[in-house]
Amino acid sequence: QVQLVESGGGLVQPGGSLRLSCAASGSIVSIYAMGWYRQTPGKQRELVATVTSGGSTNYADSVKGRFTISRDNAKNTVYLQMDSLKPEDTAVYFCRLSSYYGTNYWGQGTQVTVSS
């Protein structure tokens, strides 16, 4: 079994920054990619950013130029640096780990609130 533990969420003013972390532990085999998704009430979970084991990244258009995803393969940890935050970035952010076998694992989510 794989466990994902997220941290770093909180309340920040518009224009501020937050850094999310997600550490994976357990029976980790052949990680293909790790990433961040977010969800607001009544809406589907949406992709924010992903990074493969080879370092290739993908971002949602809404966060390009403001968010940066990075990964420490040795620590099985993925980070999301969020700068220039906007109220519309308010959501629960979820970490996901995807294996080469097609299995996805999710974290419990961390709340990010952008408000003055």
N, C-alpha and C. Protein backbone atom coordinates (compact mmCIF):
# COMPACT_ATOMS: atom_id res chain seq x y z
N GLN A 1 0.85 -1.19 0.00
CA GLN A 1 0.00 0.00 0.00
C GLN A 1 0.89 1.24 0.00
N VAL A 2 0.39 2.28 -0.64
CA VAL A 2 1.11 3.54 -0.74
C VAL A 2 0.36 4.61 0.05
N GLN A 3 1.09 5.38 0.82
CA GLN A 3 0.50 6.50 1.55
C GLN A 3 1.10 7.80 1.04
N LEU A 4 0.23 8.79 0.87
CA LEU A 4 0.66 10.12 0.46
C LEU A 4 0.24 11.11 1.54
N VAL A 5 1.18 11.89 2.02
CA VAL A 5 0.89 12.86 3.06
C VAL A 5 1.23 14.25 2.55
N GLU A 6 0.20 15.10 2.46
CA GLU A 6 0.37 16.46 1.97
C GLU A 6 0.51 17.42 3.14
N SER A 7 1.19 18.51 2.89
CA SER A 7 1.33 19.56 3.89
C SER A 7 1.58 20.88 3.18
N GLY A 8 1.41 21.99 3.90
CA GLY A 8 1.73 23.29 3.37
C GLY A 8 0.56 24.17 3.01
N GLY A 9 -0.66 23.65 3.10
CA GLY A 9 -1.81 24.48 2.78
C GLY A 9 -2.07 25.51 3.86
N GLY A 10 -3.02 26.41 3.58
CA GLY A 10 -3.34 27.43 4.57
C GLY A 10 -4.04 28.61 3.94
N LEU A 11 -4.07 29.69 4.69
CA LEU A 11 -4.71 30.94 4.26
C LEU A 11 -3.63 31.93 3.85
N VAL A 12 -3.81 32.53 2.70
CA VAL A 12 -2.85 33.51 2.20
C VAL A 12 -3.59 34.62 1.50
N GLN A 13 -3.02 35.81 1.51
CA GLN A 13 -3.64 36.94 0.82
C GLN A 13 -3.38 36.86 -0.68
N PRO A 14 -4.23 37.47 -1.48
CA PRO A 14 -3.98 37.52 -2.92
C PRO A 14 -2.59 38.11 -3.20
N GLY A 15 -1.91 37.48 -4.15
CA GLY A 15 -0.55 37.88 -4.47
C GLY A 15 0.51 37.18 -3.65
N GLY A 16 0.10 36.45 -2.65
CA GLY A 16 1.04 35.75 -1.79
C GLY A 16 1.49 34.42 -2.35
N SER A 17 2.27 33.71 -1.54
CA SER A 17 2.84 32.43 -1.97
C SER A 17 2.62 31.36 -0.92
N LEU A 18 2.55 30.13 -1.41
CA LEU A 18 2.51 28.95 -0.55
C LEU A 18 3.31 27.85 -1.23
N ARG A 19 3.83 26.94 -0.43
CA ARG A 19 4.52 25.78 -0.97
C ARG A 19 3.91 24.52 -0.38
N LEU A 20 3.39 23.68 -1.28
CA LEU A 20 2.82 22.41 -0.87
C LEU A 20 3.86 21.31 -1.01
N SER A 21 3.79 20.34 -0.10
CA SER A 21 4.66 19.17 -0.17
C SER A 21 3.82 17.91 -0.10
N CYS A 22 4.29 16.87 -0.75
CA CYS A 22 3.61 15.58 -0.71
C CYS A 22 4.68 14.50 -0.64
N ALA A 23 4.68 13.76 0.46
CA ALA A 23 5.65 12.70 0.65
C ALA A 23 4.97 11.34 0.51
N ALA A 24 5.56 10.49 -0.32
CA ALA A 24 5.02 9.15 -0.54
C ALA A 24 5.80 8.13 0.27
N SER A 25 5.10 7.16 0.83
CA SER A 25 5.74 6.10 1.59
C SER A 25 4.97 4.81 1.39
N GLY A 26 5.58 3.70 1.83
CA GLY A 26 4.92 2.41 1.70
C GLY A 26 5.52 1.59 0.59
N SER A 27 4.69 0.79 -0.05
CA SER A 27 5.14 -0.13 -1.11
C SER A 27 5.22 0.62 -2.44
N ILE A 28 6.24 1.45 -2.55
CA ILE A 28 6.38 2.29 -3.74
C ILE A 28 7.22 1.56 -4.77
N VAL A 29 6.62 1.29 -5.91
CA VAL A 29 7.31 0.59 -6.98
C VAL A 29 7.02 1.30 -8.29
N SER A 30 8.08 1.59 -9.02
CA SER A 30 7.94 2.12 -10.39
C SER A 30 6.99 3.31 -10.48
N ILE A 31 7.41 4.41 -9.87
CA ILE A 31 6.63 5.64 -9.97
C ILE A 31 6.80 6.22 -11.36
N TYR A 32 5.69 6.47 -12.05
CA TYR A 32 5.76 7.13 -13.35
C TYR A 32 5.68 8.64 -13.21
N ALA A 33 4.73 9.09 -12.41
CA ALA A 33 4.56 10.54 -12.27
C ALA A 33 3.93 10.85 -10.93
N MET A 34 4.15 12.07 -10.49
CA MET A 34 3.45 12.61 -9.33
C MET A 34 2.90 13.97 -9.72
N GLY A 35 1.82 14.35 -9.07
CA GLY A 35 1.22 15.60 -9.47
C GLY A 35 0.25 16.14 -8.45
N TRP A 36 -0.28 17.30 -8.79
CA TRP A 36 -1.25 18.00 -7.95
C TRP A 36 -2.52 18.26 -8.73
N TYR A 37 -3.62 18.06 -8.06
CA TYR A 37 -4.94 18.33 -8.59
C TYR A 37 -5.68 19.17 -7.55
N ARG A 38 -6.74 19.84 -7.97
CA ARG A 38 -7.51 20.63 -7.02
C ARG A 38 -9.00 20.50 -7.30
N GLN A 39 -9.76 20.77 -6.25
CA GLN A 39 -11.20 20.62 -6.37
C GLN A 39 -11.90 21.64 -5.48
N THR A 40 -12.96 22.24 -6.04
CA THR A 40 -13.82 23.14 -5.29
C THR A 40 -15.21 22.51 -5.21
N PRO A 41 -16.01 22.92 -4.25
CA PRO A 41 -17.34 22.31 -4.07
C PRO A 41 -18.18 22.37 -5.34
N GLY A 42 -18.75 21.24 -5.71
CA GLY A 42 -19.62 21.19 -6.86
C GLY A 42 -18.92 21.06 -8.19
N LYS A 43 -17.60 21.01 -8.17
CA LYS A 43 -16.85 20.91 -9.42
C LYS A 43 -16.00 19.65 -9.43
N GLN A 44 -15.63 19.24 -10.64
CA GLN A 44 -14.77 18.07 -10.77
C GLN A 44 -13.34 18.42 -10.38
N ARG A 45 -12.63 17.42 -9.94
CA ARG A 45 -11.22 17.60 -9.63
C ARG A 45 -10.48 17.90 -10.94
N GLU A 46 -9.58 18.87 -10.89
CA GLU A 46 -8.87 19.28 -12.11
C GLU A 46 -7.37 19.22 -11.90
N LEU A 47 -6.68 18.98 -13.00
CA LEU A 47 -5.23 18.93 -12.97
C LEU A 47 -4.65 20.31 -12.72
N VAL A 48 -3.64 20.37 -11.87
CA VAL A 48 -2.89 21.60 -11.66
C VAL A 48 -1.51 21.48 -12.32
N ALA A 49 -0.77 20.45 -11.94
CA ALA A 49 0.56 20.24 -12.51
C ALA A 49 1.01 18.81 -12.23
N THR A 50 1.80 18.27 -13.17
CA THR A 50 2.37 16.94 -12.97
C THR A 50 3.85 16.96 -13.37
N VAL A 51 4.58 16.00 -12.82
CA VAL A 51 5.99 15.83 -13.18
C VAL A 51 6.28 14.34 -13.25
N THR A 52 6.93 13.92 -14.34
CA THR A 52 7.26 12.50 -14.49
C THR A 52 8.59 12.19 -13.79
N SER A 53 8.89 10.92 -13.71
CA SER A 53 10.15 10.51 -13.09
C SER A 53 11.35 11.02 -13.89
N GLY A 54 11.13 11.28 -15.17
CA GLY A 54 12.19 11.84 -15.99
C GLY A 54 12.30 13.35 -15.94
N GLY A 55 11.36 13.98 -15.24
CA GLY A 55 11.43 15.42 -15.06
C GLY A 55 10.55 16.24 -15.99
N SER A 56 9.79 15.59 -16.85
CA SER A 56 8.88 16.34 -17.73
C SER A 56 7.71 16.87 -16.93
N THR A 57 7.36 18.12 -17.18
CA THR A 57 6.29 18.77 -16.43
C THR A 57 5.13 19.15 -17.34
N ASN A 58 3.97 19.28 -16.72
CA ASN A 58 2.76 19.69 -17.42
C ASN A 58 1.96 20.56 -16.46
N TYR A 59 1.45 21.68 -16.97
CA TYR A 59 0.71 22.61 -16.13
C TYR A 59 -0.65 22.95 -16.75
N ALA A 60 -1.61 23.21 -15.90
CA ALA A 60 -2.87 23.77 -16.36
C ALA A 60 -2.58 25.19 -16.85
N ASP A 61 -3.29 25.62 -17.87
CA ASP A 61 -3.08 26.96 -18.42
C ASP A 61 -3.29 28.03 -17.34
N SER A 62 -4.19 27.78 -16.43
CA SER A 62 -4.53 28.79 -15.42
C SER A 62 -3.42 29.05 -14.42
N VAL A 63 -2.44 28.14 -14.35
CA VAL A 63 -1.37 28.32 -13.35
C VAL A 63 0.00 28.50 -13.99
N LYS A 64 0.09 28.40 -15.29
CA LYS A 64 1.37 28.57 -15.98
C LYS A 64 1.99 29.92 -15.66
N GLY A 65 3.27 29.91 -15.32
CA GLY A 65 3.97 31.14 -15.00
C GLY A 65 3.84 31.56 -13.56
N ARG A 66 2.94 30.90 -12.80
CA ARG A 66 2.76 31.24 -11.39
C ARG A 66 3.12 30.08 -10.47
N PHE A 67 2.86 28.87 -10.91
CA PHE A 67 3.12 27.67 -10.10
C PHE A 67 4.31 26.92 -10.69
N THR A 68 5.07 26.28 -9.81
CA THR A 68 6.20 25.46 -10.23
C THR A 68 6.16 24.14 -9.48
N ILE A 69 6.17 23.05 -10.25
CA ILE A 69 6.20 21.72 -9.63
C ILE A 69 7.62 21.18 -9.69
N SER A 70 8.02 20.52 -8.62
CA SER A 70 9.34 19.90 -8.59
C SER A 70 9.26 18.60 -7.82
N ARG A 71 10.32 17.81 -7.97
CA ARG A 71 10.26 16.47 -7.39
C ARG A 71 11.63 16.06 -6.90
N ASP A 72 11.65 15.43 -5.75
CA ASP A 72 12.87 14.84 -5.20
C ASP A 72 12.69 13.33 -5.26
N ASN A 73 13.26 12.71 -6.27
CA ASN A 73 13.06 11.27 -6.46
C ASN A 73 13.62 10.46 -5.30
N ALA A 74 14.72 10.91 -4.73
CA ALA A 74 15.33 10.17 -3.62
C ALA A 74 14.43 10.12 -2.40
N LYS A 75 13.63 11.18 -2.23
CA LYS A 75 12.73 11.27 -1.07
C LYS A 75 11.29 10.92 -1.42
N ASN A 76 11.04 10.58 -2.69
CA ASN A 76 9.66 10.30 -3.14
C ASN A 76 8.72 11.43 -2.74
N THR A 77 9.17 12.64 -2.96
CA THR A 77 8.41 13.81 -2.56
C THR A 77 8.24 14.74 -3.74
N VAL A 78 7.05 15.33 -3.83
CA VAL A 78 6.76 16.31 -4.87
C VAL A 78 6.33 17.60 -4.20
N TYR A 79 6.74 18.72 -4.81
CA TYR A 79 6.45 20.04 -4.27
C TYR A 79 5.67 20.86 -5.29
N LEU A 80 4.90 21.80 -4.78
CA LEU A 80 4.22 22.76 -5.64
C LEU A 80 4.43 24.14 -5.05
N GLN A 81 5.27 24.92 -5.71
CA GLN A 81 5.47 26.32 -5.31
C GLN A 81 4.42 27.15 -6.00
N MET A 82 3.62 27.83 -5.22
CA MET A 82 2.52 28.62 -5.76
C MET A 82 2.78 30.09 -5.45
N ASP A 83 2.99 30.87 -6.49
CA ASP A 83 3.23 32.30 -6.35
C ASP A 83 2.10 33.09 -7.01
N SER A 84 2.04 34.37 -6.68
CA SER A 84 1.01 35.25 -7.26
C SER A 84 -0.37 34.62 -7.15
N LEU A 85 -0.69 34.14 -5.98
CA LEU A 85 -1.95 33.43 -5.79
C LEU A 85 -3.14 34.35 -5.97
N LYS A 86 -4.21 33.78 -6.53
CA LYS A 86 -5.44 34.50 -6.79
C LYS A 86 -6.59 33.85 -6.00
N PRO A 87 -7.65 34.59 -5.73
CA PRO A 87 -8.79 33.99 -5.03
C PRO A 87 -9.32 32.74 -5.74
N GLU A 88 -9.24 32.72 -7.05
CA GLU A 88 -9.74 31.55 -7.79
C GLU A 88 -8.86 30.32 -7.65
N ASP A 89 -7.72 30.47 -7.00
CA ASP A 89 -6.88 29.31 -6.70
C ASP A 89 -7.35 28.59 -5.44
N THR A 90 -8.31 29.19 -4.74
CA THR A 90 -8.85 28.57 -3.53
C THR A 90 -9.47 27.22 -3.86
N ALA A 91 -9.02 26.18 -3.17
CA ALA A 91 -9.50 24.82 -3.42
C ALA A 91 -8.85 23.87 -2.44
N VAL A 92 -9.31 22.64 -2.46
CA VAL A 92 -8.59 21.56 -1.78
C VAL A 92 -7.62 20.97 -2.80
N TYR A 93 -6.37 20.92 -2.44
CA TYR A 93 -5.34 20.42 -3.34
C TYR A 93 -4.99 18.98 -2.95
N PHE A 94 -4.98 18.12 -3.96
CA PHE A 94 -4.71 16.71 -3.76
C PHE A 94 -3.44 16.30 -4.48
N CYS A 95 -2.66 15.48 -3.84
CA CYS A 95 -1.47 14.90 -4.45
C CYS A 95 -1.85 13.55 -5.07
N ARG A 96 -1.27 13.25 -6.22
CA ARG A 96 -1.50 11.95 -6.85
C ARG A 96 -0.19 11.33 -7.28
N LEU A 97 -0.08 10.03 -7.07
CA LEU A 97 1.06 9.25 -7.54
C LEU A 97 0.55 8.25 -8.56
N SER A 98 1.18 8.20 -9.70
CA SER A 98 0.80 7.27 -10.77
C SER A 98 1.94 6.29 -11.00
N SER A 99 1.62 5.00 -10.97
CA SER A 99 2.66 4.02 -11.21
C SER A 99 2.69 3.61 -12.68
N TYR A 100 3.76 2.95 -13.07
CA TYR A 100 3.87 2.45 -14.44
C TYR A 100 2.85 1.36 -14.72
N TYR A 101 2.28 0.78 -13.66
CA TYR A 101 1.28 -0.26 -13.83
C TYR A 101 -0.13 0.31 -13.99
N GLY A 102 -0.23 1.63 -13.99
CA GLY A 102 -1.52 2.26 -14.20
C GLY A 102 -2.33 2.50 -12.95
N THR A 103 -1.72 2.29 -11.79
CA THR A 103 -2.41 2.52 -10.53
C THR A 103 -2.18 3.95 -10.06
N ASN A 104 -3.26 4.58 -9.60
CA ASN A 104 -3.17 5.93 -9.05
C ASN A 104 -3.47 5.91 -7.56
N TYR A 105 -2.69 6.66 -6.82
CA TYR A 105 -2.89 6.81 -5.38
C TYR A 105 -3.10 8.29 -5.08
N TRP A 106 -4.00 8.57 -4.14
CA TRP A 106 -4.34 9.95 -3.80
C TRP A 106 -4.04 10.24 -2.34
N GLY A 107 -3.65 11.49 -2.08
CA GLY A 107 -3.53 11.97 -0.72
C GLY A 107 -4.88 12.40 -0.19
N GLN A 108 -4.89 12.85 1.05
CA GLN A 108 -6.14 13.22 1.71
C GLN A 108 -6.58 14.64 1.38
N GLY A 109 -5.68 15.42 0.80
CA GLY A 109 -6.02 16.79 0.42
C GLY A 109 -5.61 17.80 1.47
N THR A 110 -5.27 18.99 0.99
CA THR A 110 -4.93 20.09 1.88
C THR A 110 -5.61 21.36 1.37
N GLN A 111 -6.20 22.11 2.27
CA GLN A 111 -6.98 23.29 1.90
C GLN A 111 -6.06 24.48 1.63
N VAL A 112 -6.29 25.13 0.52
CA VAL A 112 -5.63 26.40 0.19
C VAL A 112 -6.72 27.45 0.03
N THR A 113 -6.61 28.52 0.80
CA THR A 113 -7.58 29.60 0.75
C THR A 113 -6.85 30.90 0.47
N VAL A 114 -7.25 31.57 -0.60
CA VAL A 114 -6.66 32.84 -0.99
C VAL A 114 -7.72 33.91 -0.78
N SER A 115 -7.50 34.75 0.21
CA SER A 115 -8.50 35.74 0.57
C SER A 115 -7.86 36.87 1.36
N SER A 116 -8.40 38.06 1.17
CA SER A 116 -7.92 39.20 1.95
C SER A 116 -8.76 39.37 3.21
